[in-house]
Amino acid sequence: METSHLSVTVERDDHKLFSNTQSSQSAQDFRLKRYVGNPVLSPSLNNWENFSVCNPGVWCEDGKFLMLYRAAGDDASHRIHLGLAESNDGLHFTRVSDLPVVSPQDGNSDGGCVEDPRIVKFGDYYYVTYAYRPLPPGRYWENPESLAFMPDGPMDAPLAFRKNLTHTGLLMSKDLRTFQRLGRITHPMDDNRDVILFPDKIGGKYALLHRSKTLIGEKFGCAHPSIWISFSDDLLSWDNGRLLLKGEFPWTEKVGGATPPILTNEGWVMLYHGVKNGVYRVGAALLDTEDPAKILSLIPYPILEPEEEYELNGLYGDCVFPTGNVVQDGQLYVYYGAADTYCCLATCEMAELLVCLKQYRK
């Protein structure tokens, strides 16, 4: 298996650019360090992104960081698009256009929103998993218990349409500017998101993480939405797979994948989010290289949790939600959405994360 991230040299003084403000940190705890210039991307004057930019997928190659980010304007329906920004250092990003690169298609299954991109690359093509709905989600932060926009249609219309369910689709692109929509990759009866491809084949098959809302209960071994791992020969047809990780710590109840897993000499590093009482935190696990359905180690505490103003207050406060990561010269860059309002960055030395993970071998 080959790693999918290329190297670029970034000159910086880490002591000045990154800080650790976790109030709960003790001497032995490992934590991600926030970039002191956060947010790295904020809402702009463009009407499709003047309210929220968050949950970015990021790729780095040939010294260029490309950020595909979720964006929405201040409209009643909260229609969600994808924009593109670029950077030469991973810290300072500039939008490539005043227009989105992917938008919902009226009358299509993704006519309401396209959001939460995760990026991998096979050969010359990027493959991006993204969540979508047939209609916009509405102002969910004002009424989280129900969707504001439900379709008018016959009672015998498909459940996915009648309930405006979230599914996950797959995009293909050579430049992250123009895209081929490849279609849905999750079950039509399942509200399933946090779907993330591994950046390399494993045993000759593609692999992905997903968070199902139907694979719940005693029969499936989990009481709340959890992380599952599935395999495929063709990127579009996936089985339900195997339960990988469920909430098992005081700070987790529902859990979901965060960023594309990273292949190291020790195994696959998997970042994930855990949710308890509406608070989103970040965890880390190490998966077996050849059998990633096997967890080798699991850090029992969050390595990032909401503490800064831009994480505590926004459309959805108390939320840090990673969706992109890049490894450069031994440094791990973790890009995350903060309070569903900003794109932010936290970092660490990959070697230090691996040392911490090995302390918690199962």
Foldseek 3Di string as FASTA:
>chain_A
DDFQADADDADDDCVPQWADDPPPDDPPDAFWTFGPPPPLDFFDPQQQANAFKFQWAWGDDPQKIKIWIWGGGPDQLGAIAIFIWMDNHVRHIDGPDSDGLGGADQPDQQNAYWHNWAWADDPQKIKIKTKGWNHGQGLCLVPVVAGPDADDDDPPPQPSRRRRAIFMWMWMDRPSRHTDTPDTQDDSVWNKDLWAWANDAAPQWTKIKIWTPVCADPVNPANATAIFMWTDNPVRYTDRHHGQDADDAPAAHHKHWAHHWGQDPQATKTKIWGHDPQAIFIWIWGAHHNGRSHTFFTQRDGSDWDDDPQQQDGSRHNYWGWYYWHAYPQKIWTWTTGRSGGITITIDRNVVVVVSRVVGTD
